[in-house]
Amino acid sequence: MNSFIGPALIGWVSTLAISVGVSLIVAGALAVWSGRLLGLAPEHKLWAFIVGFAFLCSLSTVSISQPGTWSDTLFVAMLPIWAILIYFLPSVAAIYGGQPNLNGIFFMNLLFGWTIAGWVVAFSWTLRRSAKVKRSNLRRTPFGEVANNKAGRRPAFNYSARQVYLRTPQLRTTKI
């Protein structure tokens, strides 16, 4: 253990810092590029960033592990994946919870999640119920926004005069 303190520790920490920094830049570029190329929704871009960052950090640990021991290498490579998924747990919960302020939660988690207080604030922000947002009658498709009609019903303004006449309660007793 004494051999690890000193220049070896400085070399290891600098290698780790450079690997994490490069992983952040590459994962961010990957998320933006794949989002624009594939037309991904914002929550899928965040998933691309989180997963890309986790796997790039796990690849950076391969140089740290001892050669010839695959079980240790696999264990060491899994540590960053679990650590990053736990670190981004508030963002993942916001994605699944459908939070309207997902970007704010993600940036709070990204920038201040390394402090325990920042992580707790981001997680509590995720769990807080947001005010009901009025949903529109439109839904997104790859071809644009279309009317969100359930069970194949037509909108009310497309009904014929005869159907409106028959649906009106005070006019049902009259003959057609």
N, C-alpha and C. Protein backbone atom coordinates (compact mmCIF):
# COMPACT_ATOMS: atom_id res chain seq x y z
N MET A 1 0.82 -1.19 0.00
CA MET A 1 0.00 0.00 0.00
C MET A 1 0.86 1.25 0.00
N ASN A 2 2.02 1.19 0.62
CA ASN A 2 2.89 2.36 0.65
C ASN A 2 3.39 2.72 -0.74
N SER A 3 3.50 1.72 -1.64
CA SER A 3 3.96 2.02 -2.99
C SER A 3 2.89 2.77 -3.79
N PHE A 4 1.65 2.70 -3.35
CA PHE A 4 0.57 3.37 -4.07
C PHE A 4 0.50 4.85 -3.72
N ILE A 5 0.99 5.23 -2.56
CA ILE A 5 0.99 6.63 -2.16
C ILE A 5 2.20 7.30 -2.80
N GLY A 6 1.98 8.47 -3.37
CA GLY A 6 3.07 9.19 -4.02
C GLY A 6 2.80 9.34 -5.50
N PRO A 7 3.84 9.17 -6.31
CA PRO A 7 3.67 9.37 -7.75
C PRO A 7 2.68 8.39 -8.40
N ALA A 8 2.58 7.18 -7.88
CA ALA A 8 1.64 6.21 -8.45
C ALA A 8 0.20 6.68 -8.22
N LEU A 9 -0.09 7.23 -7.04
CA LEU A 9 -1.43 7.74 -6.75
C LEU A 9 -1.76 8.93 -7.65
N ILE A 10 -0.80 9.82 -7.83
CA ILE A 10 -1.02 10.99 -8.68
C ILE A 10 -1.26 10.55 -10.12
N GLY A 11 -0.50 9.58 -10.59
CA GLY A 11 -0.70 9.06 -11.95
C GLY A 11 -2.06 8.40 -12.10
N TRP A 12 -2.49 7.65 -11.11
CA TRP A 12 -3.78 6.97 -11.18
C TRP A 12 -4.94 7.97 -11.16
N VAL A 13 -4.85 8.97 -10.26
CA VAL A 13 -5.92 9.96 -10.16
C VAL A 13 -5.97 10.81 -11.43
N SER A 14 -4.82 11.19 -11.98
CA SER A 14 -4.84 11.98 -13.22
C SER A 14 -5.39 11.16 -14.39
N THR A 15 -5.06 9.87 -14.46
CA THR A 15 -5.62 9.01 -15.50
C THR A 15 -7.13 8.91 -15.36
N LEU A 16 -7.59 8.76 -14.14
CA LEU A 16 -9.03 8.66 -13.88
C LEU A 16 -9.73 9.97 -14.23
N ALA A 17 -9.15 11.11 -13.87
CA ALA A 17 -9.77 12.40 -14.16
C ALA A 17 -9.83 12.66 -15.67
N ILE A 18 -8.77 12.32 -16.38
CA ILE A 18 -8.76 12.50 -17.83
C ILE A 18 -9.79 11.57 -18.47
N SER A 19 -9.88 10.33 -18.00
CA SER A 19 -10.84 9.38 -18.56
C SER A 19 -12.27 9.83 -18.34
N VAL A 20 -12.58 10.33 -17.15
CA VAL A 20 -13.93 10.80 -16.87
C VAL A 20 -14.25 12.04 -17.70
N GLY A 21 -13.29 12.96 -17.83
CA GLY A 21 -13.51 14.16 -18.64
C GLY A 21 -13.74 13.83 -20.10
N VAL A 22 -12.93 12.94 -20.65
CA VAL A 22 -13.11 12.54 -22.04
C VAL A 22 -14.42 11.79 -22.21
N SER A 23 -14.78 10.97 -21.23
CA SER A 23 -16.04 10.24 -21.30
C SER A 23 -17.23 11.19 -21.29
N LEU A 24 -17.17 12.25 -20.48
CA LEU A 24 -18.24 13.25 -20.47
C LEU A 24 -18.39 13.94 -21.82
N ILE A 25 -17.27 14.31 -22.41
CA ILE A 25 -17.31 15.01 -23.70
C ILE A 25 -17.83 14.08 -24.79
N VAL A 26 -17.32 12.87 -24.84
CA VAL A 26 -17.74 11.93 -25.89
C VAL A 26 -19.19 11.52 -25.70
N ALA A 27 -19.62 11.27 -24.47
CA ALA A 27 -21.02 10.89 -24.23
C ALA A 27 -21.96 12.04 -24.57
N GLY A 28 -21.58 13.27 -24.26
CA GLY A 28 -22.40 14.41 -24.63
C GLY A 28 -22.50 14.57 -26.14
N ALA A 29 -21.37 14.43 -26.83
CA ALA A 29 -21.38 14.52 -28.29
C ALA A 29 -22.19 13.37 -28.89
N LEU A 30 -22.07 12.18 -28.32
CA LEU A 30 -22.84 11.03 -28.81
C LEU A 30 -24.33 11.26 -28.64
N ALA A 31 -24.73 11.80 -27.51
CA ALA A 31 -26.16 12.05 -27.25
C ALA A 31 -26.71 13.11 -28.21
N VAL A 32 -25.95 14.18 -28.43
CA VAL A 32 -26.41 15.24 -29.34
C VAL A 32 -26.46 14.73 -30.77
N TRP A 33 -25.40 14.04 -31.19
CA TRP A 33 -25.33 13.55 -32.57
C TRP A 33 -26.41 12.51 -32.85
N SER A 34 -26.56 11.54 -31.95
CA SER A 34 -27.59 10.51 -32.17
C SER A 34 -28.98 11.11 -32.05
N GLY A 35 -29.16 12.11 -31.19
CA GLY A 35 -30.46 12.76 -31.07
C GLY A 35 -30.85 13.49 -32.34
N ARG A 36 -29.90 14.16 -32.95
CA ARG A 36 -30.21 14.87 -34.19
C ARG A 36 -30.35 13.91 -35.37
N LEU A 37 -29.50 12.91 -35.42
CA LEU A 37 -29.53 11.97 -36.54
C LEU A 37 -30.79 11.13 -36.52
N LEU A 38 -31.17 10.65 -35.34
CA LEU A 38 -32.32 9.77 -35.22
C LEU A 38 -33.60 10.50 -34.83
N GLY A 39 -33.50 11.77 -34.51
CA GLY A 39 -34.68 12.53 -34.10
C GLY A 39 -35.23 12.05 -32.77
N LEU A 40 -34.35 11.84 -31.81
CA LEU A 40 -34.78 11.30 -30.51
C LEU A 40 -35.48 12.36 -29.67
N ALA A 41 -36.37 11.89 -28.82
CA ALA A 41 -37.03 12.75 -27.84
C ALA A 41 -36.00 13.14 -26.77
N PRO A 42 -36.24 14.23 -26.04
CA PRO A 42 -35.26 14.67 -25.04
C PRO A 42 -34.92 13.61 -23.99
N GLU A 43 -35.92 12.83 -23.56
CA GLU A 43 -35.62 11.81 -22.55
C GLU A 43 -34.74 10.70 -23.11
N HIS A 44 -34.86 10.42 -24.41
CA HIS A 44 -34.00 9.41 -25.01
C HIS A 44 -32.58 9.94 -25.21
N LYS A 45 -32.45 11.24 -25.44
CA LYS A 45 -31.12 11.84 -25.50
C LYS A 45 -30.43 11.73 -24.15
N LEU A 46 -31.18 11.96 -23.07
CA LEU A 46 -30.59 11.83 -21.74
C LEU A 46 -30.17 10.40 -21.46
N TRP A 47 -31.01 9.43 -21.89
CA TRP A 47 -30.63 8.03 -21.73
C TRP A 47 -29.35 7.72 -22.51
N ALA A 48 -29.25 8.25 -23.73
CA ALA A 48 -28.04 8.02 -24.53
C ALA A 48 -26.82 8.58 -23.81
N PHE A 49 -26.96 9.75 -23.19
CA PHE A 49 -25.84 10.34 -22.46
C PHE A 49 -25.47 9.49 -21.25
N ILE A 50 -26.46 9.11 -20.45
CA ILE A 50 -26.17 8.36 -19.21
C ILE A 50 -25.53 7.02 -19.53
N VAL A 51 -26.11 6.28 -20.46
CA VAL A 51 -25.57 4.95 -20.79
C VAL A 51 -24.20 5.07 -21.46
N GLY A 52 -24.05 6.02 -22.38
CA GLY A 52 -22.75 6.21 -23.02
C GLY A 52 -21.68 6.60 -22.02
N PHE A 53 -22.00 7.48 -21.10
CA PHE A 53 -21.04 7.89 -20.07
C PHE A 53 -20.66 6.72 -19.17
N ALA A 54 -21.64 5.91 -18.79
CA ALA A 54 -21.35 4.76 -17.93
C ALA A 54 -20.42 3.77 -18.61
N PHE A 55 -20.70 3.44 -19.86
CA PHE A 55 -19.86 2.46 -20.55
C PHE A 55 -18.49 3.00 -20.91
N LEU A 56 -18.40 4.27 -21.24
CA LEU A 56 -17.07 4.84 -21.51
C LEU A 56 -16.22 4.89 -20.25
N CYS A 57 -16.83 5.20 -19.12
CA CYS A 57 -16.08 5.17 -17.86
C CYS A 57 -15.66 3.76 -17.50
N SER A 58 -16.51 2.78 -17.80
CA SER A 58 -16.11 1.40 -17.49
C SER A 58 -14.98 0.95 -18.39
N LEU A 59 -14.93 1.43 -19.62
CA LEU A 59 -13.80 1.09 -20.49
C LEU A 59 -12.50 1.71 -20.00
N SER A 60 -12.60 2.86 -19.36
CA SER A 60 -11.38 3.50 -18.86
C SER A 60 -10.77 2.77 -17.69
N THR A 61 -11.53 1.91 -17.03
CA THR A 61 -10.98 1.17 -15.89
C THR A 61 -10.19 -0.06 -16.30
N VAL A 62 -10.26 -0.44 -17.56
CA VAL A 62 -9.55 -1.64 -18.01
C VAL A 62 -8.04 -1.45 -17.85
N SER A 63 -7.55 -0.27 -18.09
CA SER A 63 -6.11 -0.02 -17.94
C SER A 63 -5.67 -0.03 -16.48
N ILE A 64 -6.60 0.17 -15.56
CA ILE A 64 -6.26 0.21 -14.14
C ILE A 64 -6.13 -1.19 -13.56
N SER A 65 -6.95 -2.13 -14.05
CA SER A 65 -6.93 -3.48 -13.48
C SER A 65 -5.66 -4.23 -13.88
N GLN A 66 -5.37 -5.25 -13.12
CA GLN A 66 -4.16 -6.03 -13.37
C GLN A 66 -4.36 -6.95 -14.57
N PRO A 67 -3.35 -7.11 -15.39
CA PRO A 67 -3.50 -7.97 -16.57
C PRO A 67 -3.61 -9.44 -16.18
N GLY A 68 -4.42 -10.17 -16.91
CA GLY A 68 -4.53 -11.61 -16.70
C GLY A 68 -5.61 -12.03 -15.73
N THR A 69 -6.25 -11.11 -15.06
CA THR A 69 -7.30 -11.47 -14.11
C THR A 69 -8.63 -10.93 -14.62
N TRP A 70 -9.36 -11.76 -15.38
CA TRP A 70 -10.60 -11.31 -15.99
C TRP A 70 -11.70 -11.07 -14.98
N SER A 71 -11.72 -11.85 -13.91
CA SER A 71 -12.77 -11.63 -12.91
C SER A 71 -12.59 -10.27 -12.23
N ASP A 72 -11.35 -9.92 -11.91
CA ASP A 72 -11.11 -8.60 -11.33
C ASP A 72 -11.39 -7.48 -12.32
N THR A 73 -11.01 -7.70 -13.58
CA THR A 73 -11.27 -6.69 -14.62
C THR A 73 -12.76 -6.48 -14.81
N LEU A 74 -13.54 -7.56 -14.81
CA LEU A 74 -14.98 -7.44 -14.96
C LEU A 74 -15.60 -6.72 -13.76
N PHE A 75 -15.12 -7.06 -12.56
CA PHE A 75 -15.62 -6.40 -11.36
C PHE A 75 -15.29 -4.91 -11.38
N VAL A 76 -14.06 -4.58 -11.72
CA VAL A 76 -13.64 -3.18 -11.76
C VAL A 76 -14.38 -2.43 -12.86
N ALA A 77 -14.68 -3.10 -13.98
CA ALA A 77 -15.39 -2.44 -15.08
C ALA A 77 -16.87 -2.22 -14.73
N MET A 78 -17.44 -3.04 -13.86
CA MET A 78 -18.85 -2.87 -13.48
C MET A 78 -19.04 -1.77 -12.43
N LEU A 79 -18.02 -1.45 -11.68
CA LEU A 79 -18.15 -0.42 -10.64
C LEU A 79 -18.57 0.94 -11.20
N PRO A 80 -17.95 1.45 -12.27
CA PRO A 80 -18.41 2.75 -12.78
C PRO A 80 -19.84 2.71 -13.32
N ILE A 81 -20.25 1.60 -13.90
CA ILE A 81 -21.61 1.51 -14.42
C ILE A 81 -22.61 1.64 -13.28
N TRP A 82 -22.41 0.90 -12.21
CA TRP A 82 -23.33 0.99 -11.07
C TRP A 82 -23.25 2.35 -10.40
N ALA A 83 -22.03 2.90 -10.27
CA ALA A 83 -21.88 4.20 -9.62
C ALA A 83 -22.59 5.30 -10.43
N ILE A 84 -22.48 5.26 -11.75
CA ILE A 84 -23.10 6.30 -12.57
C ILE A 84 -24.61 6.13 -12.60
N LEU A 85 -25.10 4.90 -12.62
CA LEU A 85 -26.55 4.71 -12.59
C LEU A 85 -27.15 5.15 -11.25
N ILE A 86 -26.42 4.94 -10.15
CA ILE A 86 -26.90 5.43 -8.86
C ILE A 86 -26.79 6.96 -8.81
N TYR A 87 -25.72 7.50 -9.37
CA TYR A 87 -25.53 8.95 -9.41
C TYR A 87 -26.66 9.63 -10.18
N PHE A 88 -27.06 9.05 -11.31
CA PHE A 88 -28.11 9.63 -12.14
C PHE A 88 -29.49 9.07 -11.81
N LEU A 89 -29.66 8.47 -10.67
CA LEU A 89 -30.96 7.93 -10.27
C LEU A 89 -32.07 8.99 -10.25
N PRO A 90 -31.83 10.22 -9.76
CA PRO A 90 -32.90 11.23 -9.86
C PRO A 90 -33.32 11.53 -11.30
N SER A 91 -32.37 11.56 -12.21
CA SER A 91 -32.71 11.81 -13.62
C SER A 91 -33.48 10.65 -14.21
N VAL A 92 -33.08 9.43 -13.88
CA VAL A 92 -33.78 8.24 -14.39
C VAL A 92 -35.21 8.21 -13.84
N ALA A 93 -35.38 8.54 -12.56
CA ALA A 93 -36.72 8.57 -11.98
C ALA A 93 -37.56 9.68 -12.60
N ALA A 94 -36.94 10.80 -12.96
CA ALA A 94 -37.68 11.88 -13.62
C ALA A 94 -38.10 11.48 -15.02
N ILE A 95 -37.26 10.71 -15.71
CA ILE A 95 -37.62 10.23 -17.05
C ILE A 95 -38.83 9.30 -16.96
N TYR A 96 -38.78 8.34 -16.03
CA TYR A 96 -39.89 7.40 -15.91
C TYR A 96 -41.14 8.03 -15.31
N GLY A 97 -40.95 9.06 -14.47
CA GLY A 97 -42.09 9.72 -13.86
C GLY A 97 -42.77 10.73 -14.76
N GLY A 98 -42.16 11.04 -15.90
CA GLY A 98 -42.74 12.01 -16.82
C GLY A 98 -42.75 13.42 -16.27
N GLN A 99 -41.71 13.79 -15.55
CA GLN A 99 -41.62 15.13 -14.98
C GLN A 99 -41.54 16.18 -16.09
N PRO A 100 -42.32 17.25 -16.01
CA PRO A 100 -42.24 18.28 -17.04
C PRO A 100 -40.94 19.08 -16.98
N ASN A 101 -40.31 19.15 -15.82
CA ASN A 101 -39.05 19.88 -15.69
C ASN A 101 -37.86 18.91 -15.64
N LEU A 102 -37.83 18.00 -16.59
CA LEU A 102 -36.80 16.98 -16.67
C LEU A 102 -35.42 17.57 -16.90
N ASN A 103 -35.32 18.59 -17.74
CA ASN A 103 -34.01 19.17 -18.03
C ASN A 103 -33.41 19.83 -16.79
N GLY A 104 -34.22 20.51 -16.00
CA GLY A 104 -33.73 21.13 -14.78
C GLY A 104 -33.23 20.10 -13.78
N ILE A 105 -33.98 19.01 -13.66
CA ILE A 105 -33.56 17.94 -12.74
C ILE A 105 -32.26 17.32 -13.22
N PHE A 106 -32.14 17.10 -14.53
CA PHE A 106 -30.92 16.50 -15.07
C PHE A 106 -29.71 17.39 -14.82
N PHE A 107 -29.83 18.70 -15.11
CA PHE A 107 -28.68 19.58 -14.92
C PHE A 107 -28.36 19.78 -13.44
N MET A 108 -29.37 19.78 -12.59
CA MET A 108 -29.12 19.83 -11.15
C MET A 108 -28.35 18.58 -10.71
N ASN A 109 -28.76 17.45 -11.24
CA ASN A 109 -28.11 16.19 -10.89
C ASN A 109 -26.69 16.14 -11.47
N LEU A 110 -26.52 16.61 -12.69
CA LEU A 110 -25.21 16.56 -13.33
C LEU A 110 -24.20 17.47 -12.64
N LEU A 111 -24.63 18.70 -12.34
CA LEU A 111 -23.69 19.68 -11.81
C LEU A 111 -23.50 19.60 -10.31
N PHE A 112 -24.57 19.30 -9.56
CA PHE A 112 -24.48 19.32 -8.10
C PHE A 112 -24.72 17.97 -7.46
N GLY A 113 -24.89 16.93 -8.26
CA GLY A 113 -25.14 15.60 -7.71
C GLY A 113 -23.95 15.01 -6.97
N TRP A 114 -22.76 15.52 -7.24
CA TRP A 114 -21.58 15.00 -6.56
C TRP A 114 -21.58 15.36 -5.08
N THR A 115 -22.32 16.41 -4.71
CA THR A 115 -22.52 16.68 -3.29
C THR A 115 -23.75 15.90 -2.85
N ILE A 116 -23.76 15.44 -1.67
CA ILE A 116 -24.91 14.66 -1.19
C ILE A 116 -26.15 15.55 -1.15
N ALA A 117 -25.99 16.81 -0.78
CA ALA A 117 -27.13 17.73 -0.72
C ALA A 117 -27.72 17.95 -2.11
N GLY A 118 -26.89 18.12 -3.13
CA GLY A 118 -27.38 18.31 -4.49
C GLY A 118 -28.12 17.09 -5.00
N TRP A 119 -27.63 15.90 -4.68
CA TRP A 119 -28.29 14.66 -5.09
C TRP A 119 -29.65 14.53 -4.40
N VAL A 120 -29.70 14.84 -3.11
CA VAL A 120 -30.96 14.74 -2.36
C VAL A 120 -31.97 15.76 -2.88
N VAL A 121 -31.53 16.98 -3.18
CA VAL A 121 -32.43 18.00 -3.72
C VAL A 121 -32.96 17.57 -5.08
N ALA A 122 -32.09 17.04 -5.94
CA ALA A 122 -32.55 16.58 -7.26
C ALA A 122 -33.53 15.42 -7.13
N PHE A 123 -33.27 14.52 -6.19
CA PHE A 123 -34.17 13.37 -6.01
C PHE A 123 -35.51 13.81 -5.43
N SER A 124 -35.48 14.75 -4.48
CA SER A 124 -36.74 15.22 -3.92
C SER A 124 -37.52 16.04 -4.95
N TRP A 125 -36.83 16.75 -5.82
CA TRP A 125 -37.48 17.48 -6.90
C TRP A 125 -38.16 16.50 -7.86
N THR A 126 -37.53 15.36 -8.06
CA THR A 126 -38.10 14.32 -8.92
C THR A 126 -39.37 13.74 -8.31
N LEU A 127 -39.35 13.51 -7.01
CA LEU A 127 -40.49 12.87 -6.36
C LEU A 127 -41.65 13.83 -6.10
N ARG A 128 -41.40 15.13 -6.17
CA ARG A 128 -42.45 16.11 -5.92
C ARG A 128 -43.46 16.08 -7.06
N ARG A 129 -44.72 16.10 -6.70
CA ARG A 129 -45.77 16.11 -7.70
C ARG A 129 -45.81 17.48 -8.36
N SER A 130 -45.86 17.50 -9.65
CA SER A 130 -45.96 18.76 -10.35
C SER A 130 -47.43 19.09 -10.60
N ALA A 131 -47.69 20.35 -10.87
CA ALA A 131 -49.05 20.76 -11.17
C ALA A 131 -49.49 20.08 -12.46
N LYS A 132 -50.76 19.76 -12.51
CA LYS A 132 -51.28 19.09 -13.70
C LYS A 132 -51.14 20.02 -14.90
N VAL A 133 -50.54 19.50 -15.93
CA VAL A 133 -50.39 20.24 -17.16
C VAL A 133 -51.53 19.83 -18.09
N LYS A 134 -52.20 20.83 -18.65
CA LYS A 134 -53.32 20.52 -19.53
C LYS A 134 -52.78 19.84 -20.78
N ARG A 135 -53.29 18.66 -21.05
CA ARG A 135 -52.87 17.91 -22.22
C ARG A 135 -53.61 18.42 -23.45
N SER A 136 -52.94 18.44 -24.54
CA SER A 136 -53.58 18.87 -25.77
C SER A 136 -54.21 17.67 -26.47
N ASN A 137 -54.98 17.94 -27.48
CA ASN A 137 -55.61 16.88 -28.25
C ASN A 137 -54.68 16.32 -29.31
N LEU A 138 -53.43 16.73 -29.30
CA LEU A 138 -52.49 16.28 -30.31
C LEU A 138 -51.48 15.33 -29.71
N ARG A 139 -51.03 14.40 -30.52
CA ARG A 139 -49.96 13.50 -30.10
C ARG A 139 -48.89 13.52 -31.16
N ARG A 140 -47.66 13.28 -30.74
CA ARG A 140 -46.54 13.32 -31.67
C ARG A 140 -46.37 11.98 -32.37
N THR A 141 -46.12 12.05 -33.64
CA THR A 141 -45.78 10.88 -34.44
C THR A 141 -44.55 11.25 -35.25
N PRO A 142 -43.91 10.29 -35.88
CA PRO A 142 -42.76 10.63 -36.73
C PRO A 142 -43.12 11.56 -37.89
N PHE A 143 -44.41 11.64 -38.22
CA PHE A 143 -44.84 12.46 -39.34
C PHE A 143 -45.40 13.81 -38.90
N GLY A 144 -45.35 14.11 -37.64
CA GLY A 144 -45.86 15.37 -37.12
C GLY A 144 -46.93 15.12 -36.07
N GLU A 145 -47.62 16.18 -35.67
CA GLU A 145 -48.65 16.06 -34.66
C GLU A 145 -49.99 15.74 -35.31
N VAL A 146 -50.69 14.77 -34.72
CA VAL A 146 -52.00 14.37 -35.22
C VAL A 146 -52.98 14.38 -34.06
N ALA A 147 -54.26 14.37 -34.37
CA ALA A 147 -55.30 14.40 -33.34
C ALA A 147 -55.24 13.13 -32.52
N ASN A 148 -55.41 13.26 -31.23
CA ASN A 148 -55.36 12.14 -30.30
C ASN A 148 -56.78 11.66 -30.05
N ASN A 149 -57.34 10.90 -30.95
CA ASN A 149 -58.70 10.39 -30.84
C ASN A 149 -58.65 8.94 -30.38
N LYS A 150 -59.25 8.66 -29.27
CA LYS A 150 -59.23 7.31 -28.73
C LYS A 150 -60.35 6.49 -29.34
N ALA A 151 -60.12 5.23 -29.53
CA ALA A 151 -61.09 4.25 -30.02
C ALA A 151 -61.64 4.62 -31.39
N GLY A 152 -60.88 5.35 -32.16
CA GLY A 152 -61.27 5.65 -33.53
C GLY A 152 -62.45 6.60 -33.67
N ARG A 153 -62.82 7.29 -32.59
CA ARG A 153 -63.95 8.24 -32.69
C ARG A 153 -63.55 9.46 -33.46
N ARG A 154 -64.50 10.01 -34.15
CA ARG A 154 -64.25 11.25 -34.87
C ARG A 154 -64.44 12.43 -33.93
N PRO A 155 -63.77 13.55 -34.20
CA PRO A 155 -64.00 14.74 -33.38
C PRO A 155 -65.44 15.23 -33.53
N ALA A 156 -65.91 15.99 -32.56
CA ALA A 156 -67.30 16.43 -32.52
C ALA A 156 -67.67 17.29 -33.71
N PHE A 157 -66.77 18.07 -34.23
CA PHE A 157 -67.11 18.96 -35.32
C PHE A 157 -67.27 18.23 -36.66
N ASN A 158 -66.95 16.94 -36.73
CA ASN A 158 -67.12 16.19 -37.96
C ASN A 158 -68.43 15.41 -38.01
N TYR A 159 -69.22 15.46 -36.95
CA TYR A 159 -70.48 14.72 -36.96
C TYR A 159 -71.45 15.38 -37.95
N SER A 160 -72.24 14.57 -38.56
CA SER A 160 -73.24 15.10 -39.50
C SER A 160 -74.38 15.74 -38.71
N ALA A 161 -75.18 16.51 -39.39
CA ALA A 161 -76.31 17.19 -38.75
C ALA A 161 -77.30 16.17 -38.22
N ARG A 162 -77.47 15.05 -38.92
CA ARG A 162 -78.41 14.02 -38.48
C ARG A 162 -77.95 13.41 -37.15
N GLN A 163 -76.63 13.13 -36.99
CA GLN A 163 -76.14 12.55 -35.75
C GLN A 163 -76.29 13.54 -34.60
N VAL A 164 -76.04 14.79 -34.83
CA VAL A 164 -76.21 15.80 -33.79
C VAL A 164 -77.68 15.90 -33.41
N TYR A 165 -78.56 15.85 -34.40
CA TYR A 165 -79.99 15.91 -34.17
C TYR A 165 -80.46 14.74 -33.31
N LEU A 166 -79.95 13.54 -33.58
CA LEU A 166 -80.36 12.36 -32.82
C LEU A 166 -79.77 12.34 -31.42
N ARG A 167 -78.64 12.98 -31.22
CA ARG A 167 -78.00 12.96 -29.90
C ARG A 167 -78.56 14.03 -28.97
N THR A 168 -79.27 14.99 -29.47
CA THR A 168 -79.81 16.05 -28.64
C THR A 168 -81.00 15.50 -27.87
N PRO A 169 -81.00 15.55 -26.51
CA PRO A 169 -82.06 14.91 -25.72
C PRO A 169 -83.45 15.49 -25.95
N GLN A 170 -83.60 16.81 -26.07
CA GLN A 170 -84.95 17.37 -26.19
C GLN A 170 -85.56 17.11 -27.56
N LEU A 171 -84.76 16.72 -28.53
CA LEU A 171 -85.29 16.50 -29.88
C LEU A 171 -85.53 15.02 -30.21
N ARG A 172 -85.31 14.13 -29.28
CA ARG A 172 -85.42 12.71 -29.58
C ARG A 172 -86.87 12.28 -29.85
N THR A 173 -87.78 12.97 -29.32
CA THR A 173 -89.18 12.55 -29.49
C THR A 173 -89.74 12.99 -30.85
N THR A 174 -89.06 13.91 -31.49
CA THR A 174 -89.55 14.36 -32.78
C THR A 174 -89.16 13.36 -33.87
N LYS A 175 -89.92 13.35 -34.92
CA LYS A 175 -89.64 12.43 -36.03
C LYS A 175 -88.66 13.06 -36.99
N ILE A 176 -88.00 12.19 -37.69
CA ILE A 176 -87.01 12.64 -38.66
C ILE A 176 -87.64 12.74 -40.03
